[in-house]
Every structure is written in structure tokens, then in C-alpha cells.
């Protein structure tokens, strides 16, 4: 799978807008989320 999930900046990105992104390991990211996620 090649899924990408936007964790920061939700509702700040407009449709077709180009963004800069940084890929991080899921294990590191999920441990720092304030909301529960599976």
C-alpha cells in the first residue's frame, strides 16, 4: 500500500494545493497523537 495520512494541517489545505511533507515512521507518529487512532 502507498497510503499517506495528513496528521497536521487538517482544514488548512485547499483542494489541489501543493504541500510540503515529511514522512515519519508510523510507530513514532501514533505514539505522539493526542487523539486515539488505530
N, C-alpha and C. Protein backbone atom coordinates (compact mmCIF):
# COMPACT_ATOMS: atom_id res chain seq x y z
N UNK A 1 0.84 -1.20 0.00
CA UNK A 1 0.00 0.00 0.00
C UNK A 1 0.87 1.24 0.00
N UNK A 2 0.35 2.28 -0.58
CA UNK A 2 1.07 3.55 -0.62
C UNK A 2 0.18 4.65 -0.04
N UNK A 3 -0.45 4.36 1.10
CA UNK A 3 -1.34 5.34 1.73
C UNK A 3 -0.53 6.39 2.46
N UNK A 4 -1.02 7.62 2.42
CA UNK A 4 -0.42 8.71 3.17
C UNK A 4 -1.53 9.41 3.92
N UNK A 5 -1.28 9.72 5.17
CA UNK A 5 -2.29 10.35 6.01
C UNK A 5 -1.75 11.69 6.50
N UNK A 6 -2.53 12.74 6.32
CA UNK A 6 -2.17 14.07 6.79
C UNK A 6 -2.55 14.17 8.26
N UNK A 7 -1.56 14.37 9.14
CA UNK A 7 -1.82 14.44 10.57
C UNK A 7 -1.87 15.87 11.09
N UNK A 8 -1.11 16.75 10.48
CA UNK A 8 -1.10 18.15 10.89
C UNK A 8 -1.56 19.00 9.72
N UNK A 9 -2.28 20.06 9.99
CA UNK A 9 -2.70 20.95 8.93
C UNK A 9 -4.06 20.62 8.35
N UNK A 10 -4.81 19.71 9.00
CA UNK A 10 -6.15 19.41 8.51
C UNK A 10 -6.97 20.69 8.47
N UNK A 11 -7.75 20.85 7.44
CA UNK A 11 -8.62 22.02 7.20
C UNK A 11 -7.82 23.27 6.85
N UNK A 12 -6.51 23.14 6.69
CA UNK A 12 -5.70 24.28 6.27
C UNK A 12 -5.31 24.17 4.80
N UNK A 13 -5.45 22.98 4.23
CA UNK A 13 -5.06 22.73 2.85
C UNK A 13 -6.28 22.81 1.95
N UNK A 14 -6.15 23.58 0.89
CA UNK A 14 -7.25 23.70 -0.07
C UNK A 14 -7.07 22.66 -1.17
N UNK A 15 -8.15 22.33 -1.85
CA UNK A 15 -8.13 21.34 -2.92
C UNK A 15 -7.13 21.73 -4.00
N UNK A 16 -6.35 20.76 -4.44
CA UNK A 16 -5.32 20.91 -5.49
C UNK A 16 -4.14 21.79 -5.08
N UNK A 17 -4.03 22.13 -3.80
CA UNK A 17 -2.90 22.93 -3.33
C UNK A 17 -1.70 22.01 -3.10
N UNK A 18 -0.53 22.44 -3.53
CA UNK A 18 0.67 21.65 -3.31
C UNK A 18 1.17 21.90 -1.89
N UNK A 19 1.63 20.85 -1.23
CA UNK A 19 2.11 20.97 0.14
C UNK A 19 3.51 20.38 0.26
N UNK A 20 4.23 20.81 1.28
CA UNK A 20 5.50 20.19 1.65
C UNK A 20 5.16 19.15 2.71
N UNK A 21 5.86 18.02 2.69
CA UNK A 21 5.56 17.00 3.67
C UNK A 21 6.83 16.31 4.13
N UNK A 22 6.72 15.67 5.28
CA UNK A 22 7.83 14.92 5.85
C UNK A 22 7.29 13.55 6.23
N UNK A 23 7.91 12.50 5.73
CA UNK A 23 7.48 11.14 6.05
C UNK A 23 8.15 10.70 7.34
N UNK A 24 7.35 10.12 8.24
CA UNK A 24 7.85 9.61 9.51
C UNK A 24 7.33 8.20 9.72
N UNK A 25 8.02 7.44 10.55
CA UNK A 25 7.60 6.07 10.84
C UNK A 25 6.28 6.11 11.61
N UNK A 26 5.31 5.26 11.22
CA UNK A 26 4.00 5.24 11.90
C UNK A 26 4.11 5.02 13.41
N UNK A 27 5.05 4.18 13.83
CA UNK A 27 5.18 3.90 15.26
C UNK A 27 5.51 5.17 16.04
N UNK A 28 6.34 6.03 15.49
CA UNK A 28 6.71 7.27 16.17
C UNK A 28 5.55 8.25 16.18
N UNK A 29 4.86 8.36 15.07
CA UNK A 29 3.78 9.34 14.95
C UNK A 29 2.59 8.96 15.84
N UNK A 30 2.17 7.71 15.79
CA UNK A 30 1.00 7.28 16.56
C UNK A 30 1.21 7.44 18.06
N UNK A 31 2.43 7.30 18.53
CA UNK A 31 2.69 7.43 19.96
C UNK A 31 2.59 8.89 20.43
N UNK A 32 2.60 9.86 19.50
CA UNK A 32 2.53 11.27 19.87
C UNK A 32 1.18 11.92 19.57
N UNK A 33 0.23 11.16 19.06
CA UNK A 33 -1.09 11.73 18.76
C UNK A 33 -1.84 12.03 20.04
N UNK A 34 -2.59 13.14 20.04
CA UNK A 34 -3.40 13.48 21.20
C UNK A 34 -4.75 12.77 21.18
N UNK A 35 -5.20 12.37 19.99
CA UNK A 35 -6.46 11.65 19.86
C UNK A 35 -6.17 10.19 19.56
N UNK A 36 -7.03 9.30 20.02
CA UNK A 36 -6.86 7.87 19.80
C UNK A 36 -7.02 7.55 18.32
N UNK A 37 -6.13 6.75 17.80
CA UNK A 37 -6.22 6.32 16.40
C UNK A 37 -5.75 4.89 16.28
N UNK A 38 -6.33 4.14 15.34
CA UNK A 38 -5.91 2.76 15.10
C UNK A 38 -5.19 2.67 13.78
